[in-house]
Amino acid sequence: MVKLKAKIIDLRVGKRMVLLHEEDAKELGALAHDWVKIIFGAQATSAFVDTTKSYLKQGEIGILRDVSTEIQIEEGAEVLVSPAKPPESIRFIHKKMDGSSLTKAEYTAIMQDVVDHKLSDVQIAAFLLAEEFHGLTMDETEYLTSAMVDTGTVIEFNSPCFDKHSIGGVPGNKVSLLIVPIVAATNLLIPKTSSRAITSASGTADTMEVLANVEFDAAELKEIALKTSGAIAWGGKLGVAPADDLLIRVEHPLNIDPFGQMLASILSKKLSVGADHVVIDIPVGTETKVSTLEEARKVAQSFVELSERFHMNLQCGITYGGQPVGHMVGPALEAREALAALEGAGPTSLIEKSTALAGILLEIGFAAQSGQGKDLAKEIIASGKALKKMREIIDAQGGNPKIRPSDIPVGTHHVAINAPCDGYVTNVSNAAITAIARASGAPREKGAGVALRWKRGCKVKKNDVLLEIYAERSSKLNEAHNLALTMNPVTVEGMLLHKVPEFA
C-alpha cells in the first residue's frame, strides 16, 4: 500500500480509471489494466490503472472525475492505494475464451460489470472476440439477453406494445419514420427506440433528430407515447439495456458483430421498452449483413426461437437490400424524403418496404385482417392519417409540426457525379454510397449525405447526374468527392461491355 496525493483530472470518460506514475505503479506491482483499491477516509472504491512517465510527478495519482465524485476526493488530498482483486467476471470471460458455455449468473456478472464500468475496453474486446470465435448456444443467448435487460431500466406500459427493428446494412433505411405513424394512426402503441448510426450514414434517431428532439428519460418517453400512441426516440438516454451501447462502442473499431450478441442486443432493447409484438427487418443482398435468402431464413428462425423464450410475438420480414432504400442517404436528406413519402410523394422502394413491414404489425395487432395489412398501411398514407399522426409525434417531441420537406436545410456545398456514357445502371454499391455519405460528414453533420438520382435498371444518357454529394464544409465535400471518383458507387454499362483485344 502506498500514500499518494490526488490530482483530479476533470474528464468523465465512463470508465473507473486512475493514472499512476510508472515508478509508483512498479512499487505497487501494478501494470496497465490491473485493479487497485483507493481509500479516502472512510470511503473506498476500485479502479483500473493506466500509467504515465510525464503527466504526473512521482507520488501523485491522477483520478478521473467519475472516481473522484464517487468518494468525494478533492484536489491535493492524500489517498491510500493498494492492489485489488480484479472483478470476478474476468474469470468468466476467460472461460468463454476457452470455448466453454457460460451460465445465466455468469452472463449477469459480466453485464453488470460492463454497466458499472469495471471492465476495460481490452477486457470487453476479449469477451466479444470469444463470442465471435466460439459462438453462443441459444441458451447462452437467452441468458445474455436477460442479463442485458436486468442491468438497465425497464419501461412498463401496461398495455400491448408494438415495435420494429432492422438488423441494418442498407443505406437510406428511414422506414421507421413511416412505420411508426402508420401503426400509431390505428391507435396501436408503438414507442420506437432507436440507435444512432454506428457504421451507417444515418440511424433512425439521427434522422428523426432533424425533425424533433429524440433524447428523453423513461418517464418522458412514456408520457409522449401514451399521448400520441407513438414516439421515435434515441435509446441511449433512456437507460434501457445500457450494456448494449457500451459493447457496441468496442465492437465498432473491431468491425465485428457476433451473431448471438446481435440477437441479444436487439431483443433486450425491445423487452426493455415493454414490446410484446415485434417485426424484425432482415435485408438481403450483396454488401448487406445477410447475403442470401437461405441465410436470412436461418437468422429469422433464430429471432423467432429466442423471442418465444420471452413470450414475445415476433415475426420477421425478409426484405430486398441490394441497393439503398429510396434515393436519399444522410440525416436531413432522409428526413426530407420520409416527410415527402408521408405526403404521398415518396419513392416506390420506400413506400413498398415501409407499408409491407407496417402491414405485418397491423395484422399482428388485429388492426387488419390476415393478408390485408399492407393495403391498409397504404390507405393510411393515402388518406393523410399517417402524416397527421407524424405531425402529432413531432409536436409532442418538441419539433415544428408544420415543417415541410423543403424547410429542412441540407449542406450548401454540393457536387454531382455524372454518367460516363449512355447505358443502363447495372449496379449501385451500398458500401460505396455509405462510405461517401460518411466522408461528406454524415451523420454527425446533419446536412451531409448523398442524393442518388438513378437506381439499378434505369436508362441514362451520358452526363446525366447519377448522384449528388452534399456537405456542410468544403473540405468534407472534397474528401467525399475524391472517394466517389475511386469507389464507382453507380455502374453504368452500354450494350458493349468489353473489347478484345483491348488495344486492337
Protein backbone atom coordinates (compact mmCIF):
# COMPACT_ATOMS: atom_id res chain seq x y z
CA MET A 1 0.00 0.00 0.00
CA VAL A 2 1.27 3.49 -0.87
CA LYS A 3 0.15 7.01 0.08
CA LEU A 4 -0.32 9.32 -2.92
CA LYS A 5 -1.52 12.89 -3.47
CA ALA A 6 -4.67 13.24 -5.58
CA LYS A 7 -4.56 15.19 -8.82
CA ILE A 8 -8.13 15.48 -10.14
CA ILE A 9 -8.42 15.01 -13.90
CA ASP A 10 -11.58 16.81 -14.96
CA LEU A 11 -12.69 14.25 -17.51
CA ARG A 12 -15.67 11.93 -17.50
CA VAL A 13 -14.86 9.04 -19.79
CA GLY A 14 -17.31 6.46 -18.49
CA LYS A 15 -14.51 4.37 -17.01
CA ARG A 16 -13.38 3.60 -13.48
CA MET A 17 -9.76 4.56 -14.09
CA VAL A 18 -6.84 6.17 -12.28
CA LEU A 19 -3.45 7.23 -13.57
CA LEU A 20 -0.22 6.29 -11.78
CA HIS A 21 3.36 7.37 -12.35
CA GLU A 22 5.30 4.38 -13.69
CA GLU A 23 7.57 4.27 -10.62
CA ASP A 24 4.60 4.23 -8.21
CA ALA A 25 2.97 1.52 -10.31
CA LYS A 26 6.17 -0.57 -10.08
CA GLU A 27 6.22 -0.15 -6.30
CA LEU A 28 2.64 -1.41 -6.14
CA GLY A 29 3.36 -4.20 -8.62
CA ALA A 30 0.59 -2.85 -10.86
CA LEU A 31 0.56 -2.93 -14.66
CA ALA A 32 -1.79 -1.17 -17.08
CA HIS A 33 -5.36 -2.51 -16.70
CA ASP A 34 -4.63 -4.02 -13.27
CA TRP A 35 -7.02 -3.13 -10.46
CA VAL A 36 -6.19 -1.00 -7.44
CA LYS A 37 -8.16 0.00 -4.36
CA ILE A 38 -8.33 3.72 -3.49
CA ILE A 39 -9.09 4.60 0.15
CA PHE A 40 -10.02 8.13 1.22
CA GLY A 41 -11.09 8.47 4.82
CA ALA A 42 -13.90 6.03 5.49
CA GLN A 43 -14.67 5.59 1.79
CA ALA A 44 -13.12 3.27 -0.74
CA THR A 45 -13.54 2.24 -4.36
CA SER A 46 -11.67 0.28 -7.00
CA ALA A 47 -10.47 1.28 -10.46
CA PHE A 48 -8.18 0.01 -13.14
CA VAL A 49 -4.80 1.55 -13.81
CA ASP A 50 -3.09 3.32 -16.65
CA THR A 51 0.46 4.66 -16.30
CA THR A 52 2.45 7.72 -17.33
CA LYS A 53 6.02 8.99 -17.15
CA SER A 54 5.34 12.67 -17.73
CA TYR A 55 1.80 13.76 -16.81
CA LEU A 56 2.22 13.04 -13.08
CA LYS A 57 5.04 13.52 -10.62
CA GLN A 58 6.09 10.50 -8.60
CA GLY A 59 3.88 10.42 -5.51
CA GLU A 60 0.78 11.71 -7.35
CA ILE A 61 -2.28 9.81 -8.52
CA GLY A 62 -4.45 11.10 -11.34
CA ILE A 63 -8.10 10.48 -10.52
CA LEU A 64 -10.72 10.91 -13.23
CA ARG A 65 -13.88 12.79 -12.33
CA ASP A 66 -16.05 9.64 -12.32
CA VAL A 67 -13.97 8.15 -9.47
CA SER A 68 -13.32 11.39 -7.55
CA THR A 69 -17.04 12.19 -7.45
CA GLU A 70 -17.90 8.71 -6.18
CA ILE A 71 -15.85 9.01 -2.97
CA GLN A 72 -15.62 12.83 -2.79
CA ILE A 73 -11.86 13.17 -3.25
CA GLU A 74 -10.59 16.74 -3.52
CA GLU A 75 -7.52 18.11 -5.28
CA GLY A 76 -4.38 17.53 -3.21
CA ALA A 77 -5.99 15.08 -0.78
CA GLU A 78 -3.90 12.14 0.36
CA VAL A 79 -5.25 8.71 -0.53
CA LEU A 80 -4.10 5.18 0.16
CA VAL A 81 -3.68 2.91 -2.85
CA SER A 82 -3.23 -0.86 -2.78
CA PRO A 83 -3.52 -3.73 -5.26
CA ALA A 84 -7.06 -5.06 -5.63
CA LYS A 85 -8.63 -8.20 -6.94
CA PRO A 86 -9.95 -7.85 -10.49
CA PRO A 87 -13.71 -8.35 -10.98
CA GLU A 88 -14.76 -11.99 -10.87
CA SER A 89 -16.35 -11.57 -14.28
CA ILE A 90 -12.87 -11.61 -15.85
CA ARG A 91 -12.64 -15.27 -14.86
CA PHE A 92 -15.90 -15.90 -16.74
CA ILE A 93 -14.54 -14.08 -19.80
CA HIS A 94 -11.52 -16.40 -19.74
CA LYS A 95 -13.90 -19.35 -19.50
CA LYS A 96 -15.66 -18.15 -22.65
CA MET A 97 -12.31 -17.59 -24.36
CA ASP A 98 -11.57 -21.27 -23.73
CA GLY A 99 -14.75 -22.17 -25.64
CA SER A 100 -16.92 -23.12 -22.67
CA SER A 101 -20.57 -22.15 -22.29
CA LEU A 102 -21.49 -19.71 -19.54
CA THR A 103 -24.36 -19.81 -17.06
CA LYS A 104 -27.04 -17.19 -16.58
CA ALA A 105 -25.33 -15.97 -13.39
CA GLU A 106 -22.01 -15.61 -15.22
CA TYR A 107 -23.54 -13.54 -18.02
CA THR A 108 -25.30 -11.37 -15.44
CA ALA A 109 -21.98 -10.78 -13.67
CA ILE A 110 -20.25 -9.77 -16.91
CA MET A 111 -23.04 -7.41 -17.97
CA GLN A 112 -23.24 -5.83 -14.51
CA ASP A 113 -19.51 -5.15 -14.56
CA VAL A 114 -19.80 -3.68 -18.07
CA VAL A 115 -22.54 -1.31 -16.86
CA ASP A 116 -20.58 -0.42 -13.71
CA HIS A 117 -17.50 0.35 -15.86
CA LYS A 118 -15.48 -2.29 -14.05
CA LEU A 119 -14.14 -3.80 -17.27
CA SER A 120 -11.65 -2.09 -19.54
CA ASP A 121 -12.17 -1.91 -23.30
CA VAL A 122 -9.49 -4.59 -23.70
CA GLN A 123 -11.40 -6.96 -21.42
CA ILE A 124 -14.71 -6.21 -23.17
CA ALA A 125 -13.00 -6.81 -26.51
CA ALA A 126 -11.77 -10.20 -25.26
CA PHE A 127 -15.35 -11.12 -24.35
CA LEU A 128 -16.71 -10.02 -27.74
CA LEU A 129 -13.99 -11.85 -29.66
CA ALA A 130 -14.69 -15.00 -27.64
CA GLU A 131 -18.33 -14.71 -28.72
CA GLU A 132 -17.25 -14.13 -32.32
CA PHE A 133 -14.94 -17.16 -32.45
CA HIS A 134 -16.85 -19.65 -30.29
CA GLY A 135 -20.44 -18.50 -30.80
CA LEU A 136 -23.33 -18.73 -28.32
CA THR A 137 -25.79 -21.51 -27.81
CA MET A 138 -29.44 -20.44 -27.79
CA ASP A 139 -29.46 -20.95 -24.01
CA GLU A 140 -26.50 -18.60 -23.71
CA THR A 141 -28.18 -16.04 -25.98
CA GLU A 142 -31.24 -16.18 -23.72
CA TYR A 143 -29.07 -15.68 -20.61
CA LEU A 144 -27.21 -12.77 -22.23
CA THR A 145 -30.49 -11.14 -23.30
CA SER A 146 -31.91 -11.43 -19.79
CA ALA A 147 -28.72 -10.01 -18.28
CA MET A 148 -28.79 -7.01 -20.61
CA VAL A 149 -32.41 -6.30 -19.68
CA ASP A 150 -31.90 -6.81 -15.95
CA THR A 151 -28.93 -4.42 -15.73
CA GLY A 152 -30.93 -1.48 -17.12
CA THR A 153 -34.24 0.37 -16.94
CA VAL A 154 -37.43 -1.43 -17.94
CA ILE A 155 -40.38 0.68 -19.10
CA GLU A 156 -43.81 -0.78 -18.44
CA PHE A 157 -46.76 0.49 -20.49
CA ASN A 158 -49.32 -1.97 -19.07
CA SER A 159 -50.90 -2.39 -22.49
CA PRO A 160 -49.96 -4.19 -25.73
CA CYS A 161 -46.86 -2.58 -27.17
CA PHE A 162 -45.56 -2.82 -30.75
CA ASP A 163 -42.10 -2.23 -32.18
CA LYS A 164 -39.93 -2.67 -35.26
CA HIS A 165 -36.22 -3.16 -35.72
CA SER A 166 -33.88 -3.65 -38.64
CA ILE A 167 -30.63 -5.58 -38.43
CA GLY A 168 -29.23 -2.85 -40.73
CA GLY A 169 -26.76 -2.89 -43.58
CA VAL A 170 -28.76 -0.91 -46.19
CA PRO A 171 -28.25 2.84 -46.63
CA GLY A 172 -31.28 5.14 -46.66
CA ASN A 173 -33.39 2.83 -44.50
CA LYS A 174 -35.60 5.53 -42.96
CA VAL A 175 -38.68 3.29 -42.94
CA SER A 176 -39.34 3.74 -39.20
CA LEU A 177 -40.36 7.34 -39.87
CA LEU A 178 -43.23 5.93 -41.92
CA ILE A 179 -43.98 2.77 -39.96
CA VAL A 180 -44.41 4.47 -36.58
CA PRO A 181 -47.07 6.98 -37.68
CA ILE A 182 -48.86 4.36 -39.82
CA VAL A 183 -49.19 1.99 -36.86
CA ALA A 184 -49.91 4.76 -34.32
CA ALA A 185 -52.69 6.07 -36.59
CA THR A 186 -54.64 2.88 -35.79
CA ASN A 187 -54.17 3.55 -32.04
CA LEU A 188 -51.72 0.68 -31.63
CA LEU A 189 -48.99 1.75 -29.21
CA ILE A 190 -45.53 1.94 -30.83
CA PRO A 191 -42.84 3.69 -28.76
CA LYS A 192 -39.92 3.19 -31.16
CA THR A 193 -36.49 3.38 -29.56
CA SER A 194 -33.60 3.60 -31.98
CA SER A 195 -29.84 3.85 -32.04
CA ARG A 196 -27.67 6.45 -33.63
CA ALA A 197 -25.55 5.40 -36.60
CA ILE A 198 -22.56 3.19 -35.85
CA THR A 199 -21.27 2.35 -39.32
CA SER A 200 -24.15 3.75 -41.42
CA ALA A 201 -24.68 7.29 -42.68
CA SER A 202 -27.77 7.83 -40.53
CA GLY A 203 -29.54 5.87 -37.83
CA THR A 204 -33.25 6.33 -37.22
CA ALA A 205 -32.51 8.55 -34.23
CA ASP A 206 -30.17 10.72 -36.33
CA THR A 207 -32.85 11.24 -38.97
CA MET A 208 -35.67 11.90 -36.51
CA GLU A 209 -33.47 14.39 -34.67
CA VAL A 210 -33.66 16.63 -37.75
CA LEU A 211 -37.41 16.93 -37.07
CA ALA A 212 -37.62 16.86 -33.27
CA ASN A 213 -35.85 16.11 -30.02
CA VAL A 214 -35.06 12.41 -29.54
CA GLU A 215 -33.42 12.44 -26.09
CA PHE A 216 -35.84 11.61 -23.28
CA ASP A 217 -35.79 9.81 -19.99
CA ALA A 218 -38.13 6.87 -19.40
CA ALA A 219 -40.93 8.95 -17.86
CA GLU A 220 -40.86 11.48 -20.71
CA LEU A 221 -40.95 8.77 -23.39
CA LYS A 222 -43.85 7.08 -21.68
CA GLU A 223 -45.80 10.35 -21.50
CA ILE A 224 -45.21 11.10 -25.20
CA ALA A 225 -46.07 7.60 -26.37
CA LEU A 226 -49.28 7.40 -24.36
CA LYS A 227 -50.33 10.83 -25.63
CA THR A 228 -49.78 10.14 -29.34
CA SER A 229 -49.64 6.30 -29.50
CA GLY A 230 -46.16 6.62 -30.98
CA ALA A 231 -42.68 8.01 -30.48
CA ILE A 232 -39.26 7.82 -32.14
CA ALA A 233 -36.53 8.27 -29.55
CA TRP A 234 -32.84 7.59 -29.04
CA GLY A 235 -32.38 4.67 -26.66
CA GLY A 236 -29.15 5.98 -25.09
CA LYS A 237 -30.67 8.42 -22.59
CA LEU A 238 -33.41 6.02 -21.53
CA GLY A 239 -31.06 3.68 -19.69
CA VAL A 240 -32.59 0.63 -21.37
CA ALA A 241 -30.10 -2.23 -21.82
CA PRO A 242 -27.17 0.16 -21.20
CA ALA A 243 -24.63 -2.64 -21.58
CA ASP A 244 -25.50 -2.79 -25.27
CA ASP A 245 -24.24 0.72 -26.04
CA LEU A 246 -21.02 0.04 -24.14
CA LEU A 247 -20.45 -3.20 -26.04
CA ILE A 248 -21.22 -1.56 -29.40
CA ARG A 249 -18.61 1.12 -28.67
CA VAL A 250 -15.97 -1.65 -28.55
CA GLU A 251 -17.44 -3.67 -31.44
CA HIS A 252 -17.14 -0.74 -33.84
CA PRO A 253 -13.34 -0.43 -34.08
CA LEU A 254 -13.04 -4.23 -34.16
CA ASN A 255 -15.57 -4.32 -37.03
CA ILE A 256 -17.30 -7.36 -35.55
CA ASP A 257 -20.92 -8.14 -34.69
CA PRO A 258 -21.14 -11.59 -33.05
CA PHE A 259 -24.41 -13.21 -34.09
CA GLY A 260 -25.59 -14.17 -30.61
CA GLN A 261 -24.67 -10.70 -29.37
CA MET A 262 -26.71 -9.14 -32.18
CA LEU A 263 -29.76 -11.22 -31.25
CA ALA A 264 -29.42 -10.33 -27.58
CA SER A 265 -28.80 -6.66 -28.38
CA ILE A 266 -31.99 -6.28 -30.41
CA LEU A 267 -34.28 -8.36 -28.21
CA SER A 268 -33.02 -6.79 -24.97
CA LYS A 269 -33.87 -3.30 -26.27
CA LYS A 270 -37.35 -4.42 -27.29
CA LEU A 271 -38.01 -6.20 -23.99
CA SER A 272 -36.80 -3.17 -22.04
CA VAL A 273 -39.49 -0.94 -23.56
CA GLY A 274 -42.22 -3.50 -22.98
CA ALA A 275 -42.63 -4.57 -26.61
CA ASP A 276 -44.94 -7.59 -26.85
CA HIS A 277 -45.30 -7.59 -30.64
CA VAL A 278 -42.27 -7.00 -32.86
CA VAL A 279 -41.37 -7.16 -36.54
CA ILE A 280 -37.71 -7.62 -37.47
CA ASP A 281 -36.49 -6.36 -40.85
CA ILE A 282 -33.80 -8.60 -42.37
CA PRO A 283 -32.44 -7.01 -45.57
CA VAL A 284 -30.85 -9.46 -48.02
CA GLY A 285 -28.35 -8.65 -50.74
CA THR A 286 -24.72 -8.14 -51.61
CA GLU A 287 -22.92 -5.76 -49.24
CA THR A 288 -25.55 -6.27 -46.52
CA LYS A 289 -25.19 -8.26 -43.31
CA VAL A 290 -27.12 -11.18 -44.85
CA SER A 291 -26.23 -12.05 -48.44
CA THR A 292 -28.54 -14.98 -49.28
CA LEU A 293 -32.17 -15.89 -48.74
CA GLU A 294 -31.13 -19.18 -47.13
CA GLU A 295 -29.01 -17.32 -44.58
CA ALA A 296 -31.84 -14.85 -43.95
CA ARG A 297 -34.23 -17.68 -43.12
CA LYS A 298 -31.77 -19.05 -40.57
CA VAL A 299 -31.38 -15.61 -38.99
CA ALA A 300 -35.16 -15.21 -38.89
CA GLN A 301 -35.62 -18.60 -37.25
CA SER A 302 -33.09 -17.68 -34.55
CA PHE A 303 -35.01 -14.48 -33.80
CA VAL A 304 -38.28 -16.40 -33.60
CA GLU A 305 -36.80 -19.09 -31.32
CA LEU A 306 -35.29 -16.52 -28.96
CA SER A 307 -38.46 -14.42 -28.86
CA GLU A 308 -40.55 -17.47 -27.92
CA ARG A 309 -38.41 -17.91 -24.81
CA PHE A 310 -39.55 -14.46 -23.71
CA HIS A 311 -43.19 -14.97 -24.76
CA MET A 312 -42.86 -12.26 -27.40
CA ASN A 313 -44.96 -12.30 -30.57
CA LEU A 314 -42.27 -11.73 -33.19
CA GLN A 315 -42.31 -12.00 -36.96
CA CYS A 316 -39.50 -11.34 -39.43
CA GLY A 317 -39.78 -9.60 -42.76
CA ILE A 318 -37.04 -10.62 -45.20
CA THR A 319 -36.61 -7.61 -47.48
CA TYR A 320 -34.69 -6.68 -50.62
CA GLY A 321 -31.41 -5.00 -49.71
CA GLY A 322 -29.48 -4.97 -52.97
CA GLN A 323 -29.42 -1.17 -53.18
CA PRO A 324 -30.38 1.82 -50.99
CA VAL A 325 -33.95 2.31 -49.78
CA GLY A 326 -35.31 5.37 -51.56
CA HIS A 327 -32.86 7.87 -53.01
CA MET A 328 -31.57 9.90 -50.06
CA VAL A 329 -28.80 8.95 -47.63
CA GLY A 330 -27.90 11.20 -44.69
CA PRO A 331 -30.00 12.64 -41.81
CA ALA A 332 -31.51 15.79 -43.37
CA LEU A 333 -31.88 14.27 -46.83
CA GLU A 334 -33.61 11.20 -45.38
CA ALA A 335 -35.90 13.34 -43.20
CA ARG A 336 -36.93 15.24 -46.33
CA GLU A 337 -37.66 12.02 -48.19
CA ALA A 338 -39.61 10.47 -45.30
CA LEU A 339 -41.83 13.54 -44.96
CA ALA A 340 -42.36 13.62 -48.71
CA ALA A 341 -43.41 9.96 -48.61
CA LEU A 342 -45.94 10.69 -45.85
CA GLU A 343 -47.26 13.47 -48.08
CA GLY A 344 -47.74 10.87 -50.83
CA ALA A 345 -44.74 11.78 -52.97
CA GLY A 346 -42.10 9.32 -51.85
CA PRO A 347 -40.15 6.80 -53.94
CA THR A 348 -41.68 3.39 -54.60
CA SER A 349 -39.00 1.40 -52.76
CA LEU A 350 -39.51 3.40 -49.55
CA ILE A 351 -43.31 3.17 -49.71
CA GLU A 352 -43.29 -0.54 -50.55
CA LYS A 353 -40.88 -1.54 -47.79
CA SER A 354 -42.49 0.66 -45.14
CA THR A 355 -46.04 -0.47 -45.84
CA ALA A 356 -45.04 -4.14 -46.06
CA LEU A 357 -43.41 -4.06 -42.60
CA ALA A 358 -46.11 -1.83 -41.09
CA GLY A 359 -48.69 -4.22 -42.53
CA ILE A 360 -47.20 -7.10 -40.54
CA LEU A 361 -47.63 -5.11 -37.31
CA LEU A 362 -51.18 -4.12 -38.25
CA GLU A 363 -52.05 -7.79 -38.76
CA ILE A 364 -50.34 -8.84 -35.52
CA GLY A 365 -52.37 -6.18 -33.70
CA PHE A 366 -55.62 -7.21 -35.43
CA ALA A 367 -55.99 -3.75 -36.95
CA ALA A 368 -56.04 -5.52 -40.32
CA GLN A 369 -57.12 -8.97 -41.42
CA SER A 370 -54.50 -11.50 -42.44
CA GLY A 371 -53.01 -10.60 -45.81
CA GLN A 372 -54.52 -7.11 -45.83
CA GLY A 373 -52.10 -5.21 -43.63
CA LYS A 374 -50.01 -3.72 -46.44
CA ASP A 375 -53.10 -2.44 -48.24
CA LEU A 376 -54.36 -0.81 -45.05
CA ALA A 377 -50.94 0.78 -44.47
CA LYS A 378 -51.05 2.28 -47.95
CA GLU A 379 -54.58 3.59 -47.32
CA ILE A 380 -53.40 5.24 -44.09
CA ILE A 381 -50.71 7.10 -46.05
CA ALA A 382 -53.04 8.00 -48.94
CA SER A 383 -55.70 9.34 -46.54
CA GLY A 384 -53.23 11.67 -44.83
CA LYS A 385 -53.70 9.95 -41.46
CA ALA A 386 -50.06 8.89 -41.24
CA LEU A 387 -48.85 12.44 -41.98
CA LYS A 388 -51.25 13.88 -39.39
CA LYS A 389 -50.02 11.38 -36.80
CA MET A 390 -46.38 12.12 -37.62
CA ARG A 391 -47.01 15.81 -37.07
CA GLU A 392 -48.56 14.98 -33.67
CA ILE A 393 -45.47 12.97 -32.75
CA ILE A 394 -43.11 15.74 -33.92
CA ASP A 395 -45.09 18.26 -31.86
CA ALA A 396 -45.06 16.03 -28.75
CA GLN A 397 -41.28 15.63 -29.11
CA GLY A 398 -40.70 19.37 -29.26
CA GLY A 399 -40.38 19.87 -33.02
CA ASN A 400 -42.24 22.03 -35.51
CA PRO A 401 -45.39 20.11 -36.53
CA LYS A 402 -45.86 22.28 -39.63
CA ILE A 403 -42.44 21.50 -41.10
CA ARG A 404 -42.36 20.65 -44.80
CA PRO A 405 -39.62 18.76 -46.70
CA SER A 406 -38.42 21.99 -48.32
CA ASP A 407 -37.98 23.59 -44.88
CA ILE A 408 -35.23 21.15 -43.96
CA PRO A 409 -31.78 22.58 -44.77
CA VAL A 410 -29.12 20.40 -46.39
CA GLY A 411 -25.42 21.05 -46.94
CA THR A 412 -24.71 24.15 -49.02
CA HIS A 413 -21.62 22.56 -50.58
CA HIS A 414 -22.52 20.02 -53.24
CA VAL A 415 -21.13 18.33 -56.33
CA ALA A 416 -22.57 16.00 -58.97
CA ILE A 417 -21.21 12.72 -60.35
CA ASN A 418 -22.27 12.28 -63.98
CA ALA A 419 -22.86 9.24 -66.19
CA PRO A 420 -19.76 8.45 -68.29
CA CYS A 421 -21.82 7.12 -71.23
CA ASP A 422 -25.27 6.23 -72.48
CA GLY A 423 -26.47 2.97 -70.98
CA TYR A 424 -28.20 1.33 -68.04
CA VAL A 425 -27.46 1.42 -64.33
CA THR A 426 -26.35 -2.13 -63.62
CA ASN A 427 -25.18 -1.74 -60.02
CA VAL A 428 -25.47 0.59 -57.05
CA SER A 429 -22.95 -0.18 -54.31
CA ASN A 430 -24.38 0.01 -50.79
CA ALA A 431 -20.88 0.08 -49.31
CA ALA A 432 -19.71 2.90 -51.58
CA ILE A 433 -22.81 5.04 -51.02
CA THR A 434 -22.43 4.66 -47.25
CA ALA A 435 -18.70 5.42 -47.34
CA ILE A 436 -19.20 8.54 -49.47
CA ALA A 437 -22.04 9.82 -47.28
CA ARG A 438 -19.94 9.34 -44.14
CA ALA A 439 -16.95 11.00 -45.79
CA SER A 440 -19.17 14.01 -46.53
CA GLY A 441 -19.83 14.38 -42.78
CA ALA A 442 -22.94 12.28 -42.15
CA PRO A 443 -24.36 11.50 -39.66
CA ARG A 444 -22.67 13.99 -37.33
CA GLU A 445 -23.25 16.86 -39.77
CA LYS A 446 -26.97 16.60 -40.43
CA GLY A 447 -26.97 18.27 -43.84
CA ALA A 448 -24.36 15.95 -45.31
CA GLY A 449 -25.11 12.94 -47.45
CA VAL A 450 -25.81 11.55 -50.90
CA ALA A 451 -28.79 12.00 -53.23
CA LEU A 452 -28.97 9.03 -55.60
CA ARG A 453 -30.77 10.08 -58.79
CA TRP A 454 -30.94 6.75 -60.65
CA LYS A 455 -31.11 3.16 -59.46
CA ARG A 456 -30.48 -0.26 -60.93
CA GLY A 457 -32.24 -0.89 -64.26
CA CYS A 458 -32.72 2.79 -65.14
CA LYS A 459 -31.68 4.04 -68.58
CA VAL A 460 -29.38 7.06 -68.51
CA LYS A 461 -27.67 9.29 -71.03
CA LYS A 462 -24.09 10.48 -70.99
CA ASN A 463 -23.59 13.33 -68.46
CA ASP A 464 -26.89 12.67 -66.68
CA VAL A 465 -26.43 13.26 -62.94
CA LEU A 466 -26.07 9.87 -61.24
CA LEU A 467 -25.74 11.20 -57.71
CA GLU A 468 -25.11 14.41 -55.81
CA ILE A 469 -22.96 14.75 -52.72
CA TYR A 470 -23.90 17.31 -50.06
CA ALA A 471 -21.68 18.61 -47.28
CA GLU A 472 -21.64 21.39 -44.71
CA ARG A 473 -17.90 22.02 -45.22
CA SER A 474 -15.91 22.28 -48.43
CA SER A 475 -13.13 20.10 -47.01
CA LYS A 476 -15.60 17.25 -46.35
CA LEU A 477 -17.09 17.68 -49.82
CA ASN A 478 -13.66 17.32 -51.41
CA GLU A 479 -12.95 14.23 -49.35
CA ALA A 480 -16.26 12.62 -50.33
CA HIS A 481 -15.89 13.62 -54.00
CA ASN A 482 -12.43 12.09 -54.26
CA LEU A 483 -13.72 8.90 -52.65
CA ALA A 484 -16.64 8.75 -55.10
CA LEU A 485 -14.24 9.01 -58.05
CA THR A 486 -12.33 5.94 -56.83
CA MET A 487 -15.17 3.72 -55.49
CA ASN A 488 -17.51 3.69 -58.50
CA PRO A 489 -20.77 3.87 -56.45
CA VAL A 490 -23.01 3.63 -59.55
CA THR A 491 -22.10 1.43 -62.51
CA VAL A 492 -23.39 2.37 -65.97
CA GLU A 493 -22.93 -0.06 -68.85
CA GLY A 494 -23.83 0.19 -72.51
CA MET A 495 -24.55 -2.77 -74.76
CA LEU A 496 -20.81 -3.17 -75.46
CA LEU A 497 -19.22 -4.48 -72.26
CA HIS A 498 -15.64 -5.23 -73.40
CA LYS A 499 -13.44 -5.15 -76.47
CA VAL A 500 -10.92 -7.97 -77.03
CA PRO A 501 -8.06 -7.47 -77.55
CA GLU A 502 -8.29 -4.24 -75.56
CA PHE A 503 -5.96 -2.17 -77.79
CA ALA A 504 -6.76 -3.63 -81.21
